[in-house]
C-alpha cells in the first residue's frame, strides 16, 4: 500500500537579510507561510532504500544520496537506530527548481514525517524537528509547514500574527535563481539593513495584510533581478494586474507572488498569466494563515 504526503511550497512574505557574521551566515527575519500546492512524496514498502523522481520538474534532479529526501531519510533512520530498514520513496516534483519555494527542504520535511509513520518509528516530534533542522536553515520551518516568523539563521522560530488565509498567484519566469549566487550579489552590493522582526499586527482581510507587508521588503529581490532580469519582469507583470494587492519575490527567487482579494481573483489572474506568458509557470493557490 502506498502512502503520500504533500510537501507544500514555502513563500517568504517578507525577507530582511543582514550583514554576514564572522561565521559567514546572514542573520535574517522572515514570515514564512505555506501553500496548498507543492510536491508530492509517496512511500511504498521495499527491502532496500530507493528514491524515484518523476513529474514535470524531475529533469536534472538527482535521485541519489545527495537528494535532500534521501539525506533526510538516512538521518532519520540513523537517529532511530534502524539503518536496516528499506523503503521506496517516489517524489513527484511539481515545483520549479531553484525557485525560492523551499522545495528541497519541504520535500525533506515530508520524508521525515512520512517515514516516521510508515516505518513505525514513532519518534517524538522534537526528535523529528532536530533531524529537519540539521538539513538546512529553513529545515525546521518546512518540517512544521505552517506559518512562522523565522529569525537568526532562519532556525529561530516564533508564532506568526493572526492573519487569514491568503489567495495568491505564484509566478516563476522559467528562470532558476541559485541561492549562493544571489547571496554573493547581495554581499557585493553591501546594502545591509536591519533584521529585527518588524511589528506584525493581526489582520482580518487580505487587503489589511497587503497594507502591512507593503512597508516591508525582500532584500534579495534586487540582487536576484540583477542576475536574472526575468525576475524583475515577473514582479513588474504582477504589479500591473488589477487583481494584485501586493507583488514580491519569494526567498532568493525566482518565483514571485501576488496576493489577491479572493480566490476568484487569484484564479482569474493565473489564467490570464498562463495565456499571456505560456513559457512561465503560474499557479493560483491559498497561503494558509495562522488565523484562517
Protein backbone atom coordinates (compact mmCIF):
# COMPACT_ATOMS: atom_id res chain seq x y z
CA UNK A 1 0.00 0.00 0.00
CA UNK A 2 1.32 3.44 -0.95
CA UNK A 3 1.04 6.44 1.39
CA UNK A 4 1.57 10.02 0.22
CA UNK A 5 2.07 13.48 1.69
CA UNK A 6 2.06 16.97 0.25
CA UNK A 7 5.37 18.84 0.53
CA UNK A 8 3.93 22.36 0.35
CA UNK A 9 5.54 25.34 -1.32
CA UNK A 10 7.04 27.84 1.12
CA UNK A 11 6.55 31.56 0.49
CA UNK A 12 8.50 34.33 2.22
CA UNK A 13 6.01 37.16 2.62
CA UNK A 14 8.98 39.34 3.56
CA UNK A 15 12.69 38.61 3.93
CA UNK A 16 15.07 41.01 5.67
CA UNK A 17 18.73 39.99 5.44
CA UNK A 18 21.64 41.47 7.39
CA UNK A 19 25.39 41.65 7.10
CA UNK A 20 27.06 38.22 7.34
CA UNK A 21 28.74 37.43 10.63
CA UNK A 22 32.24 36.10 11.19
CA UNK A 23 30.88 32.60 10.57
CA UNK A 24 29.68 33.63 7.09
CA UNK A 25 26.00 33.24 7.92
CA UNK A 26 23.49 36.05 7.32
CA UNK A 27 21.06 37.00 10.08
CA UNK A 28 17.54 37.29 8.76
CA UNK A 29 13.94 37.91 9.63
CA UNK A 30 11.13 36.41 7.58
CA UNK A 31 7.49 35.44 7.76
CA UNK A 32 7.17 32.06 6.07
CA UNK A 33 3.80 30.70 5.03
CA UNK A 34 2.85 27.58 3.11
CA UNK A 35 0.64 26.99 0.09
CA UNK A 36 -1.98 24.35 -0.58
CA UNK A 37 0.11 23.10 -3.51
CA UNK A 38 3.60 21.64 -3.78
CA UNK A 39 5.49 18.46 -4.50
CA UNK A 40 4.04 15.06 -3.63
CA UNK A 41 6.02 12.41 -1.78
CA UNK A 42 4.81 8.80 -1.65
CA UNK A 43 6.06 5.73 0.25
CA UNK A 44 5.90 2.08 -0.72
CA UNK A 45 7.38 -0.90 1.13
CA UNK A 46 10.74 -2.14 -0.17
CA UNK A 47 13.69 -4.21 1.02
CA UNK A 48 16.27 -1.56 0.15
CA UNK A 49 16.36 2.24 0.35
CA UNK A 50 15.49 3.77 -3.03
CA UNK A 51 14.12 7.02 -4.45
CA UNK A 52 12.37 7.68 -7.75
CA UNK A 53 11.98 11.24 -9.00
CA UNK A 54 9.24 11.97 -11.52
CA UNK A 55 6.98 14.82 -12.51
CA UNK A 56 7.26 17.98 -14.64
CA UNK A 57 10.40 19.26 -12.88
CA UNK A 58 12.20 15.95 -12.38
CA UNK A 59 14.75 16.68 -15.09
CA UNK A 60 18.22 17.35 -13.72
CA UNK A 61 17.26 16.41 -10.16
CA UNK A 62 19.32 13.60 -8.65
CA UNK A 63 17.66 10.54 -7.17
CA UNK A 64 20.86 9.62 -5.34
CA UNK A 65 22.19 10.11 -1.85
CA UNK A 66 22.69 13.84 -2.42
CA UNK A 67 18.95 14.42 -2.79
CA UNK A 68 17.57 16.08 0.36
CA UNK A 69 14.84 13.44 0.56
CA UNK A 70 17.43 10.67 0.81
CA UNK A 71 19.57 12.70 3.20
CA UNK A 72 16.53 13.22 5.42
CA UNK A 73 15.60 9.54 5.30
CA UNK A 74 19.14 8.42 6.16
CA UNK A 75 19.39 10.91 9.03
CA UNK A 76 16.02 9.84 10.41
CA UNK A 77 16.84 6.11 10.38
CA UNK A 78 20.26 6.77 11.89
CA UNK A 79 18.61 8.69 14.73
CA UNK A 80 16.18 5.80 15.22
CA UNK A 81 18.98 3.20 15.07
CA UNK A 82 17.20 1.43 12.21
CA UNK A 83 19.56 1.71 9.26
CA UNK A 84 18.47 -1.81 8.29
CA UNK A 85 15.00 -0.73 7.16
CA UNK A 86 14.14 -0.46 3.47
CA UNK A 87 11.71 1.90 1.76
CA UNK A 88 10.86 3.21 -1.66
CA UNK A 89 10.06 6.91 -1.94
CA UNK A 90 8.53 8.48 -5.04
CA UNK A 91 8.99 12.23 -5.38
CA UNK A 92 6.56 13.87 -7.81
CA UNK A 93 8.42 17.12 -8.46
CA UNK A 94 5.72 19.68 -9.26
CA UNK A 95 7.55 22.84 -8.12
CA UNK A 96 10.24 24.52 -10.26
CA UNK A 97 13.85 24.04 -9.18
CA UNK A 98 15.91 26.84 -7.58
CA UNK A 99 12.62 28.67 -7.21
CA UNK A 100 12.64 30.25 -3.74
CA UNK A 101 9.80 27.96 -2.64
CA UNK A 102 11.75 25.78 -0.20
CA UNK A 103 11.10 22.74 -2.37
CA UNK A 104 14.02 20.61 -1.21
CA UNK A 105 13.54 21.44 2.47
CA UNK A 106 9.79 20.83 2.23
CA UNK A 107 10.43 17.50 0.49
CA UNK A 108 12.80 16.57 3.31
CA UNK A 109 10.25 17.50 5.96
CA UNK A 110 7.62 15.39 4.25
CA UNK A 111 10.05 12.45 4.08
CA UNK A 112 10.70 12.67 7.81
CA UNK A 113 7.01 12.76 8.71
CA UNK A 114 6.07 10.09 6.18
CA UNK A 115 8.75 7.55 7.13
CA UNK A 116 8.30 8.06 10.85
CA UNK A 117 4.71 6.88 10.45
CA UNK A 118 5.07 4.36 7.61
CA UNK A 119 8.01 2.54 9.21
CA UNK A 120 6.53 2.64 12.70
CA UNK A 121 9.50 4.52 14.17
CA UNK A 122 7.27 6.57 16.49
CA UNK A 123 9.99 9.11 17.24
CA UNK A 124 8.72 12.15 19.17
CA UNK A 125 8.16 15.42 17.39
CA UNK A 126 11.17 17.13 18.97
CA UNK A 127 13.48 14.47 17.54
CA UNK A 128 11.94 14.80 14.08
CA UNK A 129 12.34 18.56 14.27
CA UNK A 130 16.01 18.21 15.23
CA UNK A 131 16.64 15.98 12.22
CA UNK A 132 14.96 18.50 9.92
CA UNK A 133 16.91 21.43 11.40
CA UNK A 134 20.23 19.71 10.68
CA UNK A 135 19.44 19.64 6.95
CA UNK A 136 19.35 23.40 6.36
CA UNK A 137 18.43 26.81 7.71
CA UNK A 138 14.76 26.51 6.73
CA UNK A 139 14.54 22.81 7.54
CA UNK A 140 12.69 23.31 10.83
CA UNK A 141 10.16 25.75 9.36
CA UNK A 142 9.49 23.48 6.38
CA UNK A 143 9.07 20.48 8.69
CA UNK A 144 6.26 22.26 10.54
CA UNK A 145 4.82 23.56 7.22
CA UNK A 146 2.73 26.19 8.99
CA UNK A 147 3.10 29.98 9.30
CA UNK A 148 6.10 31.05 11.36
CA UNK A 149 8.32 34.06 11.94
CA UNK A 150 11.94 32.97 11.47
CA UNK A 151 14.97 34.86 12.76
CA UNK A 152 18.64 34.09 13.43
CA UNK A 153 19.85 31.95 10.55
CA UNK A 154 16.23 31.06 9.88
CA UNK A 155 16.27 28.48 12.66
CA UNK A 156 14.77 30.55 15.49
CA UNK A 157 11.02 30.23 15.13
CA UNK A 158 8.27 32.28 16.73
CA UNK A 159 4.49 32.43 16.48
CA UNK A 160 3.14 34.39 13.49
CA UNK A 161 0.49 37.09 13.62
CA UNK A 162 -3.12 36.03 13.28
CA UNK A 163 -3.78 36.52 9.58
CA UNK A 164 -6.40 34.97 7.32
CA UNK A 165 -5.73 32.52 4.54
CA UNK A 166 -4.39 34.50 1.58
CA UNK A 167 -5.47 33.94 -2.04
CA UNK A 168 -2.30 34.10 -4.11
CA UNK A 169 -0.73 33.52 -7.51
CA UNK A 170 2.76 32.05 -7.78
CA UNK A 171 4.68 33.03 -10.91
CA UNK A 172 8.03 31.61 -11.99
CA UNK A 173 9.51 33.13 -15.17
CA UNK A 174 11.22 29.88 -16.21
CA UNK A 175 14.48 31.10 -14.71
CA UNK A 176 16.40 29.30 -11.96
CA UNK A 177 17.86 31.52 -9.25
CA UNK A 178 20.69 29.73 -7.39
CA UNK A 179 20.73 30.84 -3.75
CA UNK A 180 24.52 31.05 -3.40
CA UNK A 181 24.87 33.35 -6.41
CA UNK A 182 22.11 35.65 -5.15
CA UNK A 183 23.74 35.95 -1.73
CA UNK A 184 27.09 36.75 -3.35
CA UNK A 185 25.46 39.54 -5.33
CA UNK A 186 23.74 40.77 -2.17
CA UNK A 187 27.04 40.88 -0.27
CA UNK A 188 28.79 42.68 -3.13
CA UNK A 189 26.09 45.36 -3.14
CA UNK A 190 26.69 45.95 0.57
CA UNK A 191 23.16 47.24 1.25
CA UNK A 192 22.67 45.62 4.62
CA UNK A 193 19.54 46.65 6.52
CA UNK A 194 18.14 46.00 9.98
CA UNK A 195 16.88 42.47 10.55
CA UNK A 196 14.96 42.87 13.79
CA UNK A 197 11.47 41.41 13.32
CA UNK A 198 9.15 44.29 12.35
CA UNK A 199 5.80 44.87 14.06
CA UNK A 200 3.29 42.41 12.65
CA UNK A 201 -0.19 43.28 13.88
CA UNK A 202 -3.08 40.90 13.47
CA UNK A 203 -5.28 41.34 10.40
CA UNK A 204 -8.66 40.12 9.27
CA UNK A 205 -8.54 40.52 5.47
CA UNK A 206 -6.04 40.08 2.63
CA UNK A 207 -6.26 43.83 1.99
CA UNK A 208 -5.08 44.55 5.54
CA UNK A 209 -2.27 42.00 5.19
CA UNK A 210 -1.09 43.63 1.96
CA UNK A 211 -1.06 47.03 3.65
CA UNK A 212 1.13 45.68 6.47
CA UNK A 213 3.50 43.94 4.08
CA UNK A 214 3.84 46.99 1.85
CA UNK A 215 6.13 48.58 4.48
CA UNK A 216 8.40 45.52 4.43
CA UNK A 217 10.67 44.05 1.73
CA UNK A 218 12.64 41.16 0.32
CA UNK A 219 16.28 42.23 0.46
CA UNK A 220 17.28 39.57 -2.07
CA UNK A 221 14.87 40.71 -4.78
CA UNK A 222 17.16 43.41 -6.20
CA UNK A 223 20.29 41.22 -6.34
CA UNK A 224 18.33 38.31 -7.82
CA UNK A 225 16.76 40.51 -10.50
CA UNK A 226 20.19 41.95 -11.29
CA UNK A 227 21.42 38.44 -12.05
CA UNK A 228 18.25 37.35 -13.85
CA UNK A 229 16.20 40.18 -15.45
CA UNK A 230 13.20 37.90 -15.93
CA UNK A 231 12.62 38.09 -12.17
CA UNK A 232 12.21 41.85 -12.34
CA UNK A 233 9.95 41.38 -15.34
CA UNK A 234 7.78 38.91 -13.44
CA UNK A 235 7.37 41.26 -10.48
CA UNK A 236 6.50 44.12 -12.83
CA UNK A 237 3.94 41.98 -14.65
CA UNK A 238 2.26 41.05 -11.36
CA UNK A 239 2.24 44.63 -10.10
CA UNK A 240 0.48 45.72 -13.28
CA UNK A 241 -2.53 43.42 -12.81
CA UNK A 242 -5.84 44.68 -11.41
CA UNK A 243 -6.21 41.70 -9.08
CA UNK A 244 -2.84 42.25 -7.36
CA UNK A 245 -2.84 43.69 -3.85
CA UNK A 246 0.92 43.19 -3.38
CA UNK A 247 3.63 41.57 -5.52
CA UNK A 248 7.07 40.43 -4.39
CA UNK A 249 9.72 37.77 -4.94
CA UNK A 250 9.85 34.79 -2.56
CA UNK A 251 13.10 33.69 -0.93
CA UNK A 252 16.09 34.02 -3.24
CA UNK A 253 13.84 33.68 -6.31
CA UNK A 254 12.99 33.17 -9.00
CA UNK A 255 9.34 32.61 -8.03
CA UNK A 256 7.31 35.75 -7.38
CA UNK A 257 3.87 36.03 -5.84
CA UNK A 258 0.82 38.26 -5.95
CA UNK A 259 -1.64 38.48 -3.07
CA UNK A 260 -5.24 38.83 -4.22
CA UNK A 261 -8.51 39.86 -2.60
CA UNK A 262 -10.23 36.50 -3.03
CA UNK A 263 -9.92 33.08 -4.65
CA UNK A 264 -11.79 34.09 -7.79
CA UNK A 265 -9.38 36.98 -8.38
CA UNK A 266 -6.38 34.69 -7.98
CA UNK A 267 -7.80 32.15 -10.41
CA UNK A 268 -8.56 34.85 -12.99
CA UNK A 269 -5.07 36.32 -12.70
CA UNK A 270 -3.36 32.92 -13.00
CA UNK A 271 -5.43 32.04 -16.08
CA UNK A 272 -4.54 35.31 -17.78
CA UNK A 273 -0.84 34.89 -17.00
CA UNK A 274 -0.95 31.35 -18.37
CA UNK A 275 -2.27 32.74 -21.64
CA UNK A 276 -0.01 35.79 -21.86
CA UNK A 277 3.20 34.05 -20.74
CA UNK A 278 2.84 30.38 -21.73
CA UNK A 279 6.52 29.63 -21.10
CA UNK A 280 6.20 30.74 -17.48
CA UNK A 281 4.82 28.72 -14.55
CA UNK A 282 1.74 30.33 -12.98
CA UNK A 283 -0.47 28.74 -10.33
CA UNK A 284 -3.27 30.04 -8.11
CA UNK A 285 -3.11 28.86 -4.51
CA UNK A 286 -4.08 29.61 -0.95
CA UNK A 287 -1.41 30.58 1.56
CA UNK A 288 -2.54 29.17 4.87
CA UNK A 289 -2.75 31.78 7.62
CA UNK A 290 -2.48 31.45 11.37
CA UNK A 291 -5.96 32.85 11.83
CA UNK A 292 -7.86 31.26 8.96
